[in-house]
């Protein structure tokens, strides 16, 4: 009976060892899966962080480009308003110029006479100015001084006569002067308008380029955000899988510990049974037993008796 019980225990011990070996193999497999999954999660998080960083950089760039676009747009609108204002003003001046031109029609002779008189007056005044300077700053004999005084008097008379002639043509003179002023004003407005239109063309081009840049940056930011969402979702999915594996790992470890405890008890029981059998055989041969052998034999018989009863 004792040997049969021993054989039974030995077979049970072998079965436990086989099951524990299988559990350890499964446990190692689960741990390996968990480690690989953790590594994949780290990689996905790094990718998600990189995409988020790039997205944030692009969003910052988008805000800056948008600000520049709005400034260009405002400047373009201001320049456009200025161009329209100059165009309207230029048109008004042109209409006034046409009216003045119509008033001068048929008065070409008077206009030519006016030009000659004006030039003559300018020359006389310049000569008078030069002589007056000599008269006031130079030392000279009385005869020379009288000669200059006479010359200045004659120049003043000529100037007065010329200006009197101008009075005859005063109306034509005023129209001619207004016409010349309007021509100067019109040319200035025309040049300003040309420069403003050129600036407007440049601003329109820059605004269009900046708008294209806005769309490009926004598109790239959206693409990186989408990539971030995909990686973040993958992390969530993998984390859920990892949590399930960790629960499985905890359960497998618990079962392995329980199996190990049972295996250890069976192993101890096996060793005690072996010692008890050897002590019993030694006693049957009439050999003397030491204290440990007596203790092993008694405990082994008690253990086998209890298990046999069970």
Protein backbone atom coordinates (compact mmCIF):
# COMPACT_ATOMS: atom_id res chain seq x y z
CA UNK A 1 0.00 0.00 0.00
CA UNK A 2 2.84 2.32 0.85
CA UNK A 3 4.60 1.71 -2.45
CA UNK A 4 1.37 2.16 -4.40
CA UNK A 5 0.77 5.48 -2.63
CA UNK A 6 4.32 6.50 -3.40
CA UNK A 7 3.84 5.65 -7.09
CA UNK A 8 0.61 7.63 -7.12
CA UNK A 9 2.32 10.64 -5.57
CA UNK A 10 5.14 10.36 -8.05
CA UNK A 11 2.74 10.39 -10.97
CA UNK A 12 0.82 13.36 -9.49
CA UNK A 13 4.10 15.21 -9.00
CA UNK A 14 5.11 14.58 -12.63
CA UNK A 15 1.68 15.83 -13.76
CA UNK A 16 2.04 18.99 -11.72
CA UNK A 17 5.51 19.61 -13.07
CA UNK A 18 4.25 19.22 -16.63
CA UNK A 19 1.37 21.62 -16.04
CA UNK A 20 3.65 24.15 -14.36
CA UNK A 21 6.08 23.95 -17.25
CA UNK A 22 3.20 24.63 -19.64
CA UNK A 23 2.04 27.57 -17.50
CA UNK A 24 5.55 29.04 -17.41
CA UNK A 25 5.80 28.74 -21.18
CA UNK A 26 2.42 30.49 -21.58
CA UNK A 27 3.50 33.13 -19.05
CA UNK A 28 6.69 33.84 -20.97
CA UNK A 29 4.70 34.15 -24.18
CA UNK A 30 2.28 36.61 -22.58
CA UNK A 31 5.17 38.64 -21.14
CA UNK A 32 6.85 38.74 -24.54
CA UNK A 33 3.62 39.95 -26.15
CA UNK A 34 3.25 42.62 -23.46
CA UNK A 35 6.82 43.87 -23.96
CA UNK A 36 6.40 44.06 -27.73
CA UNK A 37 3.10 45.87 -27.30
CA UNK A 38 4.67 48.36 -24.86
CA UNK A 39 7.43 49.03 -27.37
CA UNK A 40 4.85 49.56 -30.12
CA UNK A 41 2.91 51.96 -27.84
CA UNK A 42 6.09 53.96 -27.16
CA UNK A 43 6.78 54.18 -30.88
CA UNK A 44 3.21 55.26 -31.66
CA UNK A 45 3.35 57.87 -28.89
CA UNK A 46 6.62 59.23 -30.26
CA UNK A 47 5.07 59.43 -33.73
CA UNK A 48 1.95 61.09 -32.31
CA UNK A 49 4.08 63.61 -30.37
CA UNK A 50 6.13 64.38 -33.49
CA UNK A 51 2.97 64.93 -35.54
CA UNK A 52 1.46 67.11 -32.79
CA UNK A 53 4.66 69.19 -32.58
CA UNK A 54 4.72 69.68 -36.34
CA UNK A 55 1.01 70.53 -36.33
CA UNK A 56 1.49 73.12 -33.56
CA UNK A 57 4.46 74.66 -35.41
CA UNK A 58 2.37 74.91 -38.57
CA UNK A 59 -0.57 76.40 -36.66
CA UNK A 60 1.76 79.05 -35.24
CA UNK A 61 3.11 79.71 -38.73
CA UNK A 62 -0.48 79.82 -40.01
CA UNK A 63 -1.38 82.55 -37.52
CA UNK A 64 1.66 84.59 -38.54
CA UNK A 65 0.97 84.17 -42.26
CA UNK A 66 -2.68 85.04 -41.69
CA UNK A 67 -1.63 88.20 -39.86
CA UNK A 68 0.71 89.15 -42.73
CA UNK A 69 -2.06 88.42 -45.25
CA UNK A 70 -4.52 90.67 -43.42
CA UNK A 71 -1.94 93.47 -43.26
CA UNK A 72 -1.28 93.12 -46.99
CA UNK A 73 -5.00 92.99 -47.72
CA UNK A 74 -5.62 96.16 -45.69
CA UNK A 75 -2.73 97.90 -47.42
CA UNK A 76 -4.04 96.71 -50.79
CA UNK A 77 -7.50 98.08 -50.00
CA UNK A 78 -6.03 101.40 -48.85
CA UNK A 79 -3.97 101.62 -52.04
CA UNK A 80 -7.01 100.73 -54.11
CA UNK A 81 -9.01 103.50 -52.41
CA UNK A 82 -6.13 105.90 -53.03
CA UNK A 83 -5.97 104.89 -56.71
CA UNK A 84 -9.70 105.48 -57.11
CA UNK A 85 -9.40 108.84 -55.37
CA UNK A 86 -6.51 109.87 -57.62
CA UNK A 87 -8.37 108.66 -60.70
CA UNK A 88 -11.43 110.73 -59.80
CA UNK A 89 -9.32 113.76 -58.94
CA UNK A 90 -7.31 113.38 -62.15
CA UNK A 91 -10.53 113.18 -64.14
CA UNK A 92 -11.88 116.32 -62.48
CA UNK A 93 -8.64 118.21 -63.18
CA UNK A 94 -8.71 116.98 -66.77
CA UNK A 95 -12.25 118.30 -67.23
CA UNK A 96 -11.16 121.67 -65.85
CA UNK A 97 -8.15 121.58 -68.17
CA UNK A 98 -10.43 120.96 -71.16
CA UNK A 99 -12.57 123.97 -70.22
CA UNK A 100 -9.52 126.21 -69.89
CA UNK A 101 -8.18 124.93 -73.18
CA UNK A 102 -11.50 125.78 -74.85
CA UNK A 103 -11.25 129.31 -73.44
CA UNK A 104 -7.80 129.74 -74.99
CA UNK A 105 -8.93 128.65 -78.45
CA UNK A 106 -8.56 131.46 -81.01
CA UNK A 107 -6.26 133.37 -78.69
CA UNK A 108 -3.01 131.85 -79.86
CA UNK A 109 -1.67 135.30 -80.92
CA UNK A 110 -2.41 136.73 -77.50
CA UNK A 111 -0.85 133.69 -75.81
CA UNK A 112 2.32 134.05 -77.90
CA UNK A 113 2.43 137.78 -77.15
CA UNK A 114 1.98 137.01 -73.47
CA UNK A 115 4.85 134.55 -73.54
CA UNK A 116 7.11 137.13 -75.18
CA UNK A 117 6.07 139.87 -72.75
CA UNK A 118 6.53 137.57 -69.75
CA UNK A 119 9.99 136.58 -70.90
CA UNK A 120 10.80 140.26 -71.56
CA UNK A 121 9.60 141.27 -68.09
CA UNK A 122 11.66 138.48 -66.50
CA UNK A 123 14.80 139.60 -68.36
CA UNK A 124 14.25 143.28 -67.48
CA UNK A 125 13.73 142.45 -63.81
CA UNK A 126 16.86 140.32 -63.75
CA UNK A 127 18.90 143.12 -65.37
CA UNK A 128 17.47 145.67 -62.96
CA UNK A 129 18.29 143.45 -60.02
CA UNK A 130 21.89 143.07 -61.16
CA UNK A 131 22.35 146.85 -61.71
CA UNK A 132 20.78 147.66 -58.34
CA UNK A 133 23.26 145.30 -56.72
CA UNK A 134 26.18 147.03 -58.41
CA UNK A 135 24.79 150.46 -57.50
CA UNK A 136 24.43 149.49 -53.82
CA UNK A 137 27.67 147.58 -53.30
CA UNK A 138 30.34 149.20 -55.49
CA UNK A 139 32.24 152.46 -55.05
CA UNK A 140 32.18 154.54 -58.23
CA UNK A 141 32.55 158.08 -59.51
CA UNK A 142 29.51 160.34 -59.53
CA UNK A 143 29.28 160.16 -63.33
CA UNK A 144 29.12 156.37 -63.26
CA UNK A 145 26.60 156.49 -60.44
CA UNK A 146 24.37 158.85 -62.46
CA UNK A 147 24.70 156.57 -65.48
CA UNK A 148 23.47 153.55 -63.43
CA UNK A 149 20.61 155.59 -61.98
CA UNK A 150 19.51 156.55 -65.47
CA UNK A 151 19.76 152.94 -66.66
CA UNK A 152 17.69 151.73 -63.70
CA UNK A 153 15.06 154.36 -64.40
CA UNK A 154 14.81 153.30 -68.04
CA UNK A 155 14.49 149.62 -66.99
CA UNK A 156 11.72 150.45 -64.54
CA UNK A 157 9.90 152.32 -67.29
CA UNK A 158 10.23 149.38 -69.66
CA UNK A 159 9.02 146.99 -66.98
CA UNK A 160 6.05 149.23 -66.25
CA UNK A 161 5.25 149.43 -69.96
CA UNK A 162 5.48 145.65 -70.34
CA UNK A 163 3.30 145.03 -67.31
CA UNK A 164 0.81 147.53 -68.74
CA UNK A 165 0.67 145.44 -71.87
CA UNK A 166 0.05 142.39 -69.69
CA UNK A 167 -2.94 144.18 -68.18
CA UNK A 168 -4.40 144.52 -71.68
CA UNK A 169 -4.32 140.76 -71.95
CA UNK A 170 -5.18 140.23 -68.28
CA UNK A 171 -8.11 137.88 -68.85
CA UNK A 172 -6.17 135.79 -71.32
CA UNK A 173 -3.18 135.98 -68.99
CA UNK A 174 -5.22 134.66 -66.02
CA UNK A 175 -6.68 131.84 -68.11
CA UNK A 176 -3.22 130.96 -69.42
CA UNK A 177 -1.77 130.92 -65.93
CA UNK A 178 -4.65 128.75 -64.64
CA UNK A 179 -4.19 126.44 -67.63
CA UNK A 180 -0.45 126.04 -66.94
CA UNK A 181 -1.14 125.33 -63.26
CA UNK A 182 -3.74 122.72 -64.19
CA UNK A 183 -1.35 121.09 -66.65
CA UNK A 184 1.25 120.81 -63.86
CA UNK A 185 -1.35 119.48 -61.44
CA UNK A 186 -2.69 117.00 -64.00
CA UNK A 187 0.79 115.66 -64.77
CA UNK A 188 1.54 115.26 -61.06
CA UNK A 189 -1.75 113.41 -60.48
CA UNK A 190 -1.13 111.24 -63.52
CA UNK A 191 2.30 110.24 -62.17
CA UNK A 192 0.90 109.59 -58.71
CA UNK A 193 -1.87 107.50 -60.20
CA UNK A 194 0.63 105.50 -62.27
CA UNK A 195 2.82 104.82 -59.23
CA UNK A 196 -0.20 103.91 -57.11
CA UNK A 197 -1.51 101.48 -59.73
CA UNK A 198 1.96 99.90 -59.91
CA UNK A 199 1.98 99.54 -56.09
CA UNK A 200 -1.53 98.10 -56.24
CA UNK A 201 -0.45 95.47 -58.79
CA UNK A 202 2.48 94.49 -56.57
CA UNK A 203 0.24 94.29 -53.51
CA UNK A 204 -2.34 92.21 -55.36
CA UNK A 205 0.39 89.78 -56.39
CA UNK A 206 1.80 89.59 -52.85
CA UNK A 207 -1.68 89.17 -51.38
CA UNK A 208 -2.45 86.32 -53.77
CA UNK A 209 0.87 84.62 -52.93
CA UNK A 210 0.23 85.05 -49.20
CA UNK A 211 -3.28 83.60 -49.57
CA UNK A 212 -1.83 80.58 -51.38
CA UNK A 213 0.71 80.20 -48.58
CA UNK A 214 -2.10 80.32 -46.00
CA UNK A 215 -3.95 77.52 -47.76
CA UNK A 216 -0.78 75.43 -48.06
CA UNK A 217 0.17 75.83 -44.39
CA UNK A 218 -3.41 75.12 -43.26
CA UNK A 219 -3.53 72.01 -45.43
CA UNK A 220 -0.23 70.72 -44.04
CA UNK A 221 -1.35 71.44 -40.46
CA UNK A 222 -4.61 69.52 -41.06
CA UNK A 223 -2.67 66.59 -42.54
CA UNK A 224 -0.35 66.41 -39.52
CA UNK A 225 -3.34 66.69 -37.18
CA UNK A 226 -4.99 63.78 -38.95
CA UNK A 227 -1.78 61.76 -38.61
CA UNK A 228 -1.70 62.66 -34.93
CA UNK A 229 -5.29 61.44 -34.46
CA UNK A 230 -4.50 58.16 -36.21
CA UNK A 231 -1.44 57.53 -34.03
CA UNK A 232 -3.34 58.59 -30.89
CA UNK A 233 -6.19 56.19 -31.73
CA UNK A 234 -3.65 53.44 -32.33
CA UNK A 235 -2.16 54.14 -28.89
CA UNK A 236 -5.62 53.90 -27.29
CA UNK A 237 -6.30 50.64 -29.10
CA UNK A 238 -2.93 49.16 -28.14
CA UNK A 239 -3.27 50.37 -24.54
CA UNK A 240 -6.61 48.58 -24.24
CA UNK A 241 -5.00 45.43 -25.64
CA UNK A 242 -2.08 45.83 -23.23
CA UNK A 243 -4.45 46.21 -20.27
CA UNK A 244 -6.19 42.98 -21.29
CA UNK A 245 -2.82 41.22 -21.59
CA UNK A 246 -1.76 42.55 -18.17
CA UNK A 247 -4.92 41.13 -16.63
CA UNK A 248 -4.21 37.83 -18.35
CA UNK A 249 -0.63 38.04 -17.10
CA UNK A 250 -1.77 38.65 -13.51
CA UNK A 251 -4.17 35.70 -13.72
CA UNK A 252 -1.45 33.45 -15.20
CA UNK A 253 1.03 34.49 -12.51
CA UNK A 254 -1.54 33.81 -9.80
CA UNK A 255 -2.24 30.37 -11.24
CA UNK A 256 1.49 29.71 -11.59
CA UNK A 257 2.10 30.66 -7.95
CA UNK A 258 -0.72 28.41 -6.83
CA UNK A 259 0.60 25.57 -8.99
CA UNK A 260 4.11 26.13 -7.64
CA UNK A 261 2.84 26.01 -4.07
CA UNK A 262 1.00 22.76 -4.77
CA UNK A 263 4.03 21.39 -6.59
CA UNK A 264 6.26 22.30 -3.64
CA UNK A 265 3.90 20.57 -1.20
CA UNK A 266 3.81 17.48 -3.41
CA UNK A 267 7.57 17.58 -3.74
CA UNK A 268 8.00 17.82 0.02
CA UNK A 269 5.50 15.00 0.49
CA UNK A 270 7.40 12.90 -2.06
CA UNK A 271 10.72 13.47 -0.30
CA UNK A 272 9.18 12.67 3.09
CA UNK A 273 7.60 9.52 1.68
CA UNK A 274 10.92 8.41 0.18
CA UNK A 275 12.69 8.95 3.52
CA UNK A 276 9.92 7.09 5.36
CA UNK A 277 10.12 4.09 2.98
CA UNK A 278 13.91 3.93 3.30
CA UNK A 279 13.66 4.18 7.09
CA UNK A 280 11.02 1.43 7.15
CA UNK A 281 13.16 -0.84 4.99
CA UNK A 282 16.17 -0.15 7.21
CA UNK A 283 14.12 -0.96 10.32
CA UNK A 284 12.84 -4.21 8.76
CA UNK A 285 16.46 -5.22 8.21
CA UNK A 286 17.11 -4.69 11.90
CA UNK A 287 19.32 -1.71 11.37
CA UNK A 288 19.42 1.17 13.82
CA UNK A 289 17.60 4.41 12.91
CA UNK A 290 18.76 7.90 13.89
CA UNK A 291 16.40 10.62 15.13
CA UNK A 292 15.74 12.14 11.66
CA UNK A 293 15.02 8.69 10.19
CA UNK A 294 12.60 7.89 13.05
CA UNK A 295 10.97 11.30 12.58
CA UNK A 296 10.71 10.85 8.78
CA UNK A 297 9.25 7.35 9.18
CA UNK A 298 6.63 8.49 11.69
CA UNK A 299 5.67 11.59 9.74
CA UNK A 300 5.61 9.62 6.47
CA UNK A 301 3.32 6.96 7.97
CA UNK A 302 1.06 9.69 9.35
CA UNK A 303 1.00 11.47 5.98
CA UNK A 304 0.29 8.26 4.05
CA UNK A 305 -2.34 7.29 6.62
CA UNK A 306 -4.12 10.64 6.28
CA UNK A 307 -3.96 10.56 2.48
CA UNK A 308 -5.05 6.91 2.44
CA UNK A 309 -7.97 7.85 4.64
CA UNK A 310 -8.81 10.71 2.34
